[in-house]
PDB file of N, CA and C in Angstrom:
ATOM      1  N   UNK A   1       0.838  -1.178   0.000  1.00  0.00           N
ATOM      2  CA  UNK A   1       0.000   0.000   0.000  1.00  0.00           C
ATOM      3  C   UNK A   1       0.883   1.241   0.000  1.00  0.00           C
ATOM      4  N   UNK A   2       0.654   2.163  -0.902  1.00  0.00           N
ATOM      5  CA  UNK A   2       1.431   3.392  -0.970  1.00  0.00           C
ATOM      6  C   UNK A   2       0.848   4.436  -0.028  1.00  0.00           C
ATOM      7  N   UNK A   3       1.720   5.212   0.569  1.00  0.00           N
ATOM      8  CA  UNK A   3       1.301   6.282   1.443  1.00  0.00           C
ATOM      9  C   UNK A   3       0.988   7.528   0.621  1.00  0.00           C
ATOM     10  N   UNK A   4       0.310   8.488   1.216  1.00  0.00           N
ATOM     11  CA  UNK A   4       0.012   9.744   0.571  1.00  0.00           C
ATOM     12  C   UNK A   4       1.294  10.388   0.064  1.00  0.00           C
ATOM     13  N   UNK A   5       1.312  10.832  -1.168  1.00  0.00           N
ATOM     14  CA  UNK A   5       2.478  11.463  -1.791  1.00  0.00           C
ATOM     15  C   UNK A   5       3.700  10.554  -1.810  1.00  0.00           C
ATOM     16  N   UNK A   6       3.513   9.273  -1.795  1.00  0.00           N
ATOM     17  CA  UNK A   6       4.612   8.310  -1.766  1.00  0.00           C
ATOM     18  C   UNK A   6       5.190   8.152  -3.163  1.00  0.00           C
ATOM     19  N   UNK A   7       6.447   8.587  -3.374  1.00  0.00           N
ATOM     20  CA  UNK A   7       7.060   8.431  -4.687  1.00  0.00           C
ATOM     21  C   UNK A   7       7.532   7.011  -4.952  1.00  0.00           C
ATOM     22  N   UNK A   8       7.465   6.153  -3.940  1.00  0.00           N
ATOM     23  CA  UNK A   8       7.918   4.778  -4.093  1.00  0.00           C
ATOM     24  C   UNK A   8       9.429   4.683  -4.204  1.00  0.00           C
ATOM     25  N   UNK A   9       9.900   3.485  -4.343  1.00  0.00           N
ATOM     26  CA  UNK A   9      11.328   3.214  -4.461  1.00  0.00           C
ATOM     27  C   UNK A   9      11.608   2.529  -5.783  1.00  0.00           C
ATOM     28  N   UNK A  10      12.802   2.724  -6.297  1.00  0.00           N
ATOM     29  CA  UNK A  10      13.196   2.038  -7.522  1.00  0.00           C
ATOM     30  C   UNK A  10      13.418   0.550  -7.218  1.00  0.00           C
ATOM     31  N   UNK A  11      13.472  -0.250  -8.264  1.00  0.00           N
ATOM     32  CA  UNK A  11      13.579  -1.706  -8.113  1.00  0.00           C
ATOM     33  C   UNK A  11      14.854  -2.124  -7.393  1.00  0.00           C
ATOM     34  N   UNK A  12      15.959  -1.452  -7.646  1.00  0.00           N
ATOM     35  CA  UNK A  12      17.228  -1.812  -7.013  1.00  0.00           C
ATOM     36  C   UNK A  12      17.177  -1.573  -5.506  1.00  0.00           C
ATOM     37  N   UNK A  13      16.661  -0.414  -5.104  1.00  0.00           N
ATOM     38  CA  UNK A  13      16.556  -0.096  -3.670  1.00  0.00           C
ATOM     39  C   UNK A  13      15.598  -1.055  -2.980  1.00  0.00           C
ATOM     40  N   UNK A  14      14.482  -1.337  -3.621  1.00  0.00           N
ATOM     41  CA  UNK A  14      13.514  -2.282  -3.055  1.00  0.00           C
ATOM     42  C   UNK A  14      14.146  -3.657  -2.873  1.00  0.00           C
ATOM     43  N   UNK A  15      14.883  -4.108  -3.853  1.00  0.00           N
ATOM     44  CA  UNK A  15      15.541  -5.423  -3.767  1.00  0.00           C
ATOM     45  C   UNK A  15      16.567  -5.456  -2.632  1.00  0.00           C
ATOM     46  N   UNK A  16      17.314  -4.372  -2.476  1.00  0.00           N
ATOM     47  CA  UNK A  16      18.310  -4.317  -1.389  1.00  0.00           C
ATOM     48  C   UNK A  16      17.630  -4.350  -0.025  1.00  0.00           C
ATOM     49  N   UNK A  17      16.526  -3.600   0.128  1.00  0.00           N
ATOM     50  CA  UNK A  17      15.791  -3.635   1.392  1.00  0.00           C
ATOM     51  C   UNK A  17      15.271  -5.041   1.682  1.00  0.00           C
ATOM     52  N   UNK A  18      14.757  -5.701   0.666  1.00  0.00           N
ATOM     53  CA  UNK A  18      14.265  -7.085   0.846  1.00  0.00           C
ATOM     54  C   UNK A  18      15.401  -8.011   1.263  1.00  0.00           C
ATOM     55  N   UNK A  19      16.583  -7.822   0.686  1.00  0.00           N
ATOM     56  CA  UNK A  19      17.738  -8.642   1.059  1.00  0.00           C
ATOM     57  C   UNK A  19      18.147  -8.370   2.502  1.00  0.00           C
ATOM     58  N   UNK A  20      18.133  -7.104   2.909  1.00  0.00           N
ATOM     59  CA  UNK A  20      18.443  -6.772   4.303  1.00  0.00           C
ATOM     60  C   UNK A  20      17.427  -7.429   5.240  1.00  0.00           C
ATOM     61  N   UNK A  21      16.134  -7.326   4.877  1.00  0.00           N
ATOM     62  CA  UNK A  21      15.085  -7.900   5.721  1.00  0.00           C
ATOM     63  C   UNK A  21      15.195  -9.418   5.772  1.00  0.00           C
ATOM     64  N   UNK A  22      15.580 -10.040   4.679  1.00  0.00           N
ATOM     65  CA  UNK A  22      15.735 -11.500   4.642  1.00  0.00           C
ATOM     66  C   UNK A  22      16.777 -11.957   5.657  1.00  0.00           C
ATOM     67  N   UNK A  23      17.809 -11.149   5.868  1.00  0.00           N
ATOM     68  CA  UNK A  23      18.826 -11.497   6.872  1.00  0.00           C
ATOM     69  C   UNK A  23      18.210 -11.519   8.269  1.00  0.00           C
ATOM     70  N   UNK A  24      17.362 -10.563   8.565  1.00  0.00           N
ATOM     71  CA  UNK A  24      16.687 -10.518   9.873  1.00  0.00           C
ATOM     72  C   UNK A  24      15.741 -11.702   9.998  1.00  0.00           C
ATOM     73  N   UNK A  25      14.951 -11.936   8.960  1.00  0.00           N
ATOM     74  CA  UNK A  25      13.953 -13.006   8.988  1.00  0.00           C
ATOM     75  C   UNK A  25      14.586 -14.394   9.123  1.00  0.00           C
ATOM     76  N   UNK A  26      15.815 -14.542   8.660  1.00  0.00           N
ATOM     77  CA  UNK A  26      16.483 -15.849   8.683  1.00  0.00           C
ATOM     78  C   UNK A  26      17.032 -16.204  10.064  1.00  0.00           C
ATOM     79  N   UNK A  27      17.091 -15.227  10.949  1.00  0.00           N
ATOM     80  CA  UNK A  27      17.587 -15.472  12.306  1.00  0.00           C
ATOM     81  C   UNK A  27      16.538 -16.272  13.063  1.00  0.00           C
ATOM     82  N   UNK A  28      16.974 -17.023  14.037  1.00  0.00           N
ATOM     83  CA  UNK A  28      16.100 -17.900  14.812  1.00  0.00           C
ATOM     84  C   UNK A  28      14.934 -17.237  15.508  1.00  0.00           C
ATOM     85  N   UNK A  29      14.838 -17.398  16.821  1.00  0.00           N
ATOM     86  CA  UNK A  29      13.679 -16.920  17.586  1.00  0.00           C
ATOM     87  C   UNK A  29      13.545 -15.393  17.591  1.00  0.00           C
ATOM     88  N   UNK A  30      12.367 -14.955  17.955  1.00  0.00           N
ATOM     89  CA  UNK A  30      12.011 -13.538  17.978  1.00  0.00           C
ATOM     90  C   UNK A  30      13.046 -12.653  18.678  1.00  0.00           C
ATOM     91  N   UNK A  31      13.496 -12.975  19.892  1.00  0.00           N
ATOM     92  CA  UNK A  31      14.467 -12.079  20.556  1.00  0.00           C
ATOM     93  C   UNK A  31      15.748 -11.903  19.735  1.00  0.00           C
ATOM     94  N   UNK A  32      16.177 -12.949  19.067  1.00  0.00           N
ATOM     95  CA  UNK A  32      17.373 -12.859  18.227  1.00  0.00           C
ATOM     96  C   UNK A  32      17.099 -12.026  16.970  1.00  0.00           C
ATOM     97  N   UNK A  33      15.878 -12.104  16.449  1.00  0.00           N
ATOM     98  CA  UNK A  33      15.506 -11.270  15.304  1.00  0.00           C
ATOM     99  C   UNK A  33      15.509  -9.794  15.693  1.00  0.00           C
ATOM    100  N   UNK A  34      15.014  -9.488  16.889  1.00  0.00           N
ATOM    101  CA  UNK A  34      15.008  -8.106  17.367  1.00  0.00           C
ATOM    102  C   UNK A  34      16.431  -7.564  17.422  1.00  0.00           C
ATOM    103  N   UNK A  35      17.331  -8.318  18.020  1.00  0.00           N
ATOM    104  CA  UNK A  35      18.730  -7.877  18.131  1.00  0.00           C
ATOM    105  C   UNK A  35      19.391  -7.754  16.760  1.00  0.00           C
ATOM    106  N   UNK A  36      19.134  -8.722  15.889  1.00  0.00           N
ATOM    107  CA  UNK A  36      19.702  -8.665  14.537  1.00  0.00           C
ATOM    108  C   UNK A  36      19.166  -7.460  13.780  1.00  0.00           C
ATOM    109  N   UNK A  37      17.877  -7.178  13.919  1.00  0.00           N
ATOM    110  CA  UNK A  37      17.274  -6.034  13.252  1.00  0.00           C
ATOM    111  C   UNK A  37      17.914  -4.731  13.686  1.00  0.00           C
ATOM    112  N   UNK A  38      18.103  -4.569  14.983  1.00  0.00           N
ATOM    113  CA  UNK A  38      18.721  -3.341  15.496  1.00  0.00           C
ATOM    114  C   UNK A  38      20.166  -3.214  15.010  1.00  0.00           C
ATOM    115  N   UNK A  39      20.897  -4.312  15.080  1.00  0.00           N
ATOM    116  CA  UNK A  39      22.303  -4.301  14.664  1.00  0.00           C
ATOM    117  C   UNK A  39      22.439  -4.006  13.175  1.00  0.00           C
ATOM    118  N   UNK A  40      21.662  -4.702  12.362  1.00  0.00           N
ATOM    119  CA  UNK A  40      21.759  -4.509  10.916  1.00  0.00           C
ATOM    120  C   UNK A  40      21.272  -3.128  10.488  1.00  0.00           C
ATOM    121  N   UNK A  41      20.225  -2.618  11.138  1.00  0.00           N
ATOM    122  CA  UNK A  41      19.752  -1.286  10.786  1.00  0.00           C
ATOM    123  C   UNK A  41      20.831  -0.243  11.077  1.00  0.00           C
ATOM    124  N   UNK A  42      21.489  -0.369  12.216  1.00  0.00           N
ATOM    125  CA  UNK A  42      22.589   0.548  12.544  1.00  0.00           C
ATOM    126  C   UNK A  42      23.718   0.441  11.529  1.00  0.00           C
ATOM    127  N   UNK A  43      23.976  -0.761  11.071  1.00  0.00           N
ATOM    128  CA  UNK A  43      25.048  -0.981  10.094  1.00  0.00           C
ATOM    129  C   UNK A  43      24.709  -0.380   8.726  1.00  0.00           C
ATOM    130  N   UNK A  44      23.468  -0.540   8.291  1.00  0.00           N
ATOM    131  CA  UNK A  44      23.088  -0.118   6.945  1.00  0.00           C
ATOM    132  C   UNK A  44      22.578   1.320   6.861  1.00  0.00           C
ATOM    133  N   UNK A  45      21.958   1.828   7.905  1.00  0.00           N
ATOM    134  CA  UNK A  45      21.372   3.169   7.888  1.00  0.00           C
ATOM    135  C   UNK A  45      22.465   4.211   8.101  1.00  0.00           C
ATOM    136  N   UNK A  46      23.278   4.371   7.075  1.00  0.00           N
ATOM    137  CA  UNK A  46      24.400   5.310   7.112  1.00  0.00           C
ATOM    138  C   UNK A  46      24.343   6.194   5.875  1.00  0.00           C
ATOM    139  N   UNK A  47      24.892   7.353   6.001  1.00  0.00           N
ATOM    140  CA  UNK A  47      24.870   8.309   4.888  1.00  0.00           C
ATOM    141  C   UNK A  47      25.681   7.832   3.684  1.00  0.00           C
ATOM    142  N   UNK A  48      26.645   6.937   3.905  1.00  0.00           N
ATOM    143  CA  UNK A  48      27.444   6.436   2.785  1.00  0.00           C
ATOM    144  C   UNK A  48      26.823   5.206   2.120  1.00  0.00           C
ATOM    145  N   UNK A  49      25.677   4.757   2.599  1.00  0.00           N
ATOM    146  CA  UNK A  49      24.966   3.630   2.002  1.00  0.00           C
ATOM    147  C   UNK A  49      23.973   4.185   0.982  1.00  0.00           C
ATOM    148  N   UNK A  50      24.166   3.834  -0.290  1.00  0.00           N
ATOM    149  CA  UNK A  50      23.317   4.335  -1.362  1.00  0.00           C
ATOM    150  C   UNK A  50      21.842   4.042  -1.180  1.00  0.00           C
ATOM    151  N   UNK A  51      21.515   2.890  -0.594  1.00  0.00           N
ATOM    152  CA  UNK A  51      20.117   2.528  -0.357  1.00  0.00           C
ATOM    153  C   UNK A  51      19.459   3.563   0.553  1.00  0.00           C
ATOM    154  N   UNK A  52      20.126   3.906   1.636  1.00  0.00           N
ATOM    155  CA  UNK A  52      19.527   4.849   2.574  1.00  0.00           C
ATOM    156  C   UNK A  52      19.621   6.298   2.102  1.00  0.00           C
ATOM    157  N   UNK A  53      20.525   6.605   1.184  1.00  0.00           N
ATOM    158  CA  UNK A  53      20.506   7.925   0.542  1.00  0.00           C
ATOM    159  C   UNK A  53      19.224   8.071  -0.272  1.00  0.00           C
ATOM    160  N   UNK A  54      18.880   7.013  -1.007  1.00  0.00           N
ATOM    161  CA  UNK A  54      17.635   7.023  -1.798  1.00  0.00           C
ATOM    162  C   UNK A  54      16.429   7.152  -0.868  1.00  0.00           C
ATOM    163  N   UNK A  55      16.427   6.393   0.203  1.00  0.00           N
ATOM    164  CA  UNK A  55      15.293   6.422   1.140  1.00  0.00           C
ATOM    165  C   UNK A  55      15.126   7.817   1.727  1.00  0.00           C
ATOM    166  N   UNK A  56      16.214   8.442   2.149  1.00  0.00           N
ATOM    167  CA  UNK A  56      16.124   9.801   2.703  1.00  0.00           C
ATOM    168  C   UNK A  56      15.556  10.784   1.669  1.00  0.00           C
ATOM    169  N   UNK A  57      16.005  10.654   0.419  1.00  0.00           N
ATOM    170  CA  UNK A  57      15.486  11.538  -0.639  1.00  0.00           C
ATOM    171  C   UNK A  57      13.991  11.330  -0.833  1.00  0.00           C
ATOM    172  N   UNK A  58      13.567  10.070  -0.874  1.00  0.00           N
ATOM    173  CA  UNK A  58      12.147   9.779  -1.088  1.00  0.00           C
ATOM    174  C   UNK A  58      11.305  10.279   0.081  1.00  0.00           C
ATOM    175  N   UNK A  59      11.790  10.101   1.304  1.00  0.00           N
ATOM    176  CA  UNK A  59      11.056  10.591   2.476  1.00  0.00           C
ATOM    177  C   UNK A  59      10.956  12.118   2.442  1.00  0.00           C
ATOM    178  N   UNK A  60      12.009  12.781   2.016  1.00  0.00           N
ATOM    179  CA  UNK A  60      11.988  14.245   1.916  1.00  0.00           C
ATOM    180  C   UNK A  60      10.949  14.695   0.890  1.00  0.00           C
ATOM    181  N   UNK A  61      10.837  13.974  -0.230  1.00  0.00           N
ATOM    182  CA  UNK A  61       9.840  14.305  -1.255  1.00  0.00           C
ATOM    183  C   UNK A  61       8.432  14.190  -0.682  1.00  0.00           C
ATOM    184  N   UNK A  62       8.222  13.226   0.190  1.00  0.00           N
ATOM    185  CA  UNK A  62       6.896  13.002   0.766  1.00  0.00           C
ATOM    186  C   UNK A  62       6.473  14.099   1.730  1.00  0.00           C
ATOM    187  N   UNK A  63       7.428  14.834   2.256  1.00  0.00           N
ATOM    188  CA  UNK A  63       7.108  15.910   3.195  1.00  0.00           C
ATOM    189  C   UNK A  63       6.530  17.085   2.418  1.00  0.00           C
ATOM    190  N   UNK A  64       5.382  17.550   2.840  1.00  0.00           N
ATOM    191  CA  UNK A  64       4.819  18.740   2.206  1.00  0.00           C
ATOM    192  C   UNK A  64       5.054  19.916   3.152  1.00  0.00           C
ATOM    193  N   UNK A  65       5.446  21.029   2.604  1.00  0.00           N
ATOM    194  CA  UNK A  65       5.735  22.188   3.438  1.00  0.00           C
ATOM    195  C   UNK A  65       7.055  21.996   4.159  1.00  0.00           C
ATOM    196  N   UNK A  66       7.120  22.492   5.371  1.00  0.00           N
ATOM    197  CA  UNK A  66       8.352  22.401   6.159  1.00  0.00           C
ATOM    198  C   UNK A  66       8.616  20.953   6.549  1.00  0.00           C
ATOM    199  N   UNK A  67       9.842  20.514   6.379  1.00  0.00           N
ATOM    200  CA  UNK A  67      10.216  19.145   6.744  1.00  0.00           C
ATOM    201  C   UNK A  67      10.524  19.114   8.227  1.00  0.00           C
ATOM    202  N   UNK A  68       9.703  18.412   8.980  1.00  0.00           N
ATOM    203  CA  UNK A  68       9.834  18.370  10.427  1.00  0.00           C
ATOM    204  C   UNK A  68       9.936  16.950  10.938  1.00  0.00           C
ATOM    205  N   UNK A  69      10.585  16.822  12.091  1.00  0.00           N
ATOM    206  CA  UNK A  69      10.713  15.540  12.773  1.00  0.00           C
ATOM    207  C   UNK A  69       9.317  14.979  13.064  1.00  0.00           C
ATOM    208  N   UNK A  70       9.128  13.685  12.819  1.00  0.00           N
ATOM    209  CA  UNK A  70       7.841  13.031  13.061  1.00  0.00           C
ATOM    210  C   UNK A  70       7.483  12.979  14.540  1.00  0.00           C
ATOM    211  N   UNK A  71       8.482  13.058  15.399  1.00  0.00           N
ATOM    212  CA  UNK A  71       8.243  12.938  16.836  1.00  0.00           C
ATOM    213  C   UNK A  71       8.038  14.286  17.512  1.00  0.00           C
ATOM    214  N   UNK A  72       9.012  15.180  17.393  1.00  0.00           N
ATOM    215  CA  UNK A  72       8.928  16.447  18.123  1.00  0.00           C
ATOM    216  C   UNK A  72       8.271  17.553  17.313  1.00  0.00           C
ATOM    217  N   UNK A  73       8.197  17.399  15.996  1.00  0.00           N
ATOM    218  CA  UNK A  73       7.620  18.364  15.067  1.00  0.00           C
ATOM    219  C   UNK A  73       8.242  19.755  15.189  1.00  0.00           C
ATOM    220  N   UNK A  74       9.416  19.834  15.825  1.00  0.00           N
ATOM    221  CA  UNK A  74      10.061  21.115  16.027  1.00  0.00           C
ATOM    222  C   UNK A  74      11.342  21.243  15.204  1.00  0.00           C
ATOM    223  N   UNK A  75      12.078  20.173  15.076  1.00  0.00           N
ATOM    224  CA  UNK A  75      13.357  20.190  14.377  1.00  0.00           C
ATOM    225  C   UNK A  75      13.207  19.674  12.953  1.00  0.00           C
ATOM    226  N   UNK A  76      14.182  20.010  12.127  1.00  0.00           N
ATOM    227  CA  UNK A  76      14.189  19.509  10.752  1.00  0.00           C
ATOM    228  C   UNK A  76      14.471  18.007  10.786  1.00  0.00           C
ATOM    229  N   UNK A  77      13.614  17.224  10.170  1.00  0.00           N
ATOM    230  CA  UNK A  77      13.820  15.778  10.113  1.00  0.00           C
ATOM    231  C   UNK A  77      14.914  15.427   9.142  1.00  0.00           C
ATOM    232  N   UNK A  78      15.878  14.617   9.582  1.00  0.00           N
ATOM    233  CA  UNK A  78      16.969  14.247   8.684  1.00  0.00           C
ATOM    234  C   UNK A  78      17.438  12.812   8.869  1.00  0.00           C
ATOM    235  N   UNK A  79      16.761  12.044   9.671  1.00  0.00           N
ATOM    236  CA  UNK A  79      17.139  10.656   9.907  1.00  0.00           C
ATOM    237  C   UNK A  79      15.977   9.730   9.569  1.00  0.00           C
ATOM    238  N   UNK A  80      16.306   8.530   9.117  1.00  0.00           N
ATOM    239  CA  UNK A  80      15.292   7.517   8.845  1.00  0.00           C
ATOM    240  C   UNK A  80      14.960   6.831  10.165  1.00  0.00           C
ATOM    241  N   UNK A  81      13.687   6.780  10.493  1.00  0.00           N
ATOM    242  CA  UNK A  81      13.255   6.118  11.714  1.00  0.00           C
ATOM    243  C   UNK A  81      12.022   5.284  11.400  1.00  0.00           C
ATOM    244  N   UNK A  82      11.664   4.434  12.339  1.00  0.00           N
ATOM    245  CA  UNK A  82      10.560   3.488  12.152  1.00  0.00           C
ATOM    246  C   UNK A  82       9.255   4.004  12.745  1.00  0.00           C
ATOM    247  N   UNK A  83       8.170   3.725  12.068  1.00  0.00           N
ATOM    248  CA  UNK A  83       6.838   4.007  12.596  1.00  0.00           C
ATOM    249  C   UNK A  83       6.508   2.930  13.627  1.00  0.00           C
ATOM    250  N   UNK A  84       6.617   1.672  13.232  1.00  0.00           N
ATOM    251  CA  UNK A  84       6.490   0.551  14.176  1.00  0.00           C
ATOM    252  C   UNK A  84       7.908   0.249  14.669  1.00  0.00           C
ATOM    253  N   UNK A  85       8.154   0.332  15.977  1.00  0.00           N
ATOM    254  CA  UNK A  85       9.522   0.204  16.496  1.00  0.00           C
ATOM    255  C   UNK A  85      10.169  -1.141  16.179  1.00  0.00           C
ATOM    256  N   UNK A  86      11.457  -1.079  15.853  1.00  0.00           N
ATOM    257  CA  UNK A  86      12.186  -2.309  15.525  1.00  0.00           C
ATOM    258  C   UNK A  86      12.329  -3.217  16.737  1.00  0.00           C
ATOM    259  N   UNK A  87      12.203  -2.674  17.951  1.00  0.00           N
ATOM    260  CA  UNK A  87      12.253  -3.501  19.163  1.00  0.00           C
ATOM    261  C   UNK A  87      11.053  -4.432  19.290  1.00  0.00           C
ATOM    262  N   UNK A  88       9.965  -4.094  18.613  1.00  0.00           N
ATOM    263  CA  UNK A  88       8.751  -4.912  18.691  1.00  0.00           C
ATOM    264  C   UNK A  88       8.408  -5.601  17.372  1.00  0.00           C
ATOM    265  N   UNK A  89       8.878  -5.053  16.268  1.00  0.00           N
ATOM    266  CA  UNK A  89       8.513  -5.560  14.940  1.00  0.00           C
ATOM    267  C   UNK A  89       9.753  -5.832  14.090  1.00  0.00           C
ATOM    268  N   UNK A  90      10.520  -6.852  14.420  1.00  0.00           N
ATOM    269  CA  UNK A  90      11.718  -7.132  13.620  1.00  0.00           C
ATOM    270  C   UNK A  90      11.382  -7.492  12.177  1.00  0.00           C
ATOM    271  N   UNK A  91      10.161  -7.921  11.929  1.00  0.00           N
ATOM    272  CA  UNK A  91       9.745  -8.279  10.574  1.00  0.00           C
ATOM    273  C   UNK A  91       9.543  -7.047   9.679  1.00  0.00           C
ATOM    274  N   UNK A  92       9.616  -5.849  10.277  1.00  0.00           N
ATOM    275  CA  UNK A  92       9.405  -4.620   9.519  1.00  0.00           C
ATOM    276  C   UNK A  92      10.597  -3.653   9.589  1.00  0.00           C
ATOM    277  N   UNK A  93      11.762  -4.148   9.987  1.00  0.00           N
ATOM    278  CA  UNK A  93      12.936  -3.286  10.131  1.00  0.00           C
ATOM    279  C   UNK A  93      13.329  -2.653   8.798  1.00  0.00           C
ATOM    280  N   UNK A  94      13.256  -3.405   7.723  1.00  0.00           N
ATOM    281  CA  UNK A  94      13.665  -2.901   6.411  1.00  0.00           C
ATOM    282  C   UNK A  94      12.488  -2.840   5.441  1.00  0.00           C
ATOM    283  N   UNK A  95      11.333  -2.410   5.940  1.00  0.00           N
ATOM    284  CA  UNK A  95      10.127  -2.280   5.123  1.00  0.00           C
ATOM    285  C   UNK A  95       9.878  -0.795   4.867  1.00  0.00           C
ATOM    286  N   UNK A  96       9.864  -0.406   3.606  1.00  0.00           N
ATOM    287  CA  UNK A  96       9.716   0.987   3.196  1.00  0.00           C
ATOM    288  C   UNK A  96       8.531   1.682   3.876  1.00  0.00           C
ATOM    289  N   UNK A  97       7.391   1.041   3.919  1.00  0.00           N
ATOM    290  CA  UNK A  97       6.185   1.662   4.489  1.00  0.00           C
ATOM    291  C   UNK A  97       6.301   1.916   5.984  1.00  0.00           C
ATOM    292  N   UNK A  98       7.335   1.393   6.625  1.00  0.00           N
ATOM    293  CA  UNK A  98       7.534   1.567   8.059  1.00  0.00           C
ATOM    294  C   UNK A  98       8.512   2.700   8.372  1.00  0.00           C
ATOM    295  N   UNK A  99       8.905   3.488   7.389  1.00  0.00           N
ATOM    296  CA  UNK A  99       9.891   4.543   7.609  1.00  0.00           C
ATOM    297  C   UNK A  99       9.270   5.923   7.681  1.00  0.00           C
ATOM    298  N   UNK A 100       9.910   6.770   8.485  1.00  0.00           N
ATOM    299  CA  UNK A 100       9.537   8.174   8.604  1.00  0.00           C
ATOM    300  C   UNK A 100      10.802   8.982   8.835  1.00  0.00           C
ATOM    301  N   UNK A 101      10.669  10.296   8.927  1.00  0.00           N
ATOM    302  CA  UNK A 101      11.806  11.191   9.150  1.00  0.00           C
ATOM    303  C   UNK A 101      11.893  11.533  10.640  1.00  0.00           C
ATOM    304  N   UNK A 102      13.084  11.571  11.150  1.00  0.00           N
ATOM    305  CA  UNK A 102      13.349  11.828  12.559  1.00  0.00           C
ATOM    306  C   UNK A 102      14.623  12.647  12.677  1.00  0.00           C
ATOM    307  N   UNK A 103      14.727  13.451  13.693  1.00  0.00           N
ATOM    308  CA  UNK A 103      15.964  14.197  13.956  1.00  0.00           C
ATOM    309  C   UNK A 103      16.692  13.560  15.120  1.00  0.00           C
ATOM    310  N   UNK A 104      18.000  13.471  15.025  1.00  0.00           N
ATOM    311  CA  UNK A 104      18.787  12.886  16.121  1.00  0.00           C
ATOM    312  C   UNK A 104      18.810  13.817  17.296  1.00  0.00           C
TER     313      UNK A 104
END
């Protein structure tokens, strides 16, 4: 399901996200998936990772008007964060529809 003003992702970025998520999904029990999700997200969600550069650009396009943090609504949003927390939903760590903008 596409979100309002969702420009979507190109096929390469989508495939990379699916590959990242497959690594989390392949881990054993739920607690281990949670830890793997957090670890892998920290590893991949970097400014030098082309996948997350694309994601940040797409999230910025989705913002109408002033780009603000999804949480505090006061600062400029510049980080990729989860709508459903990765601590509870390891199955959605690398799912495009679960991303929003956040400020550190």
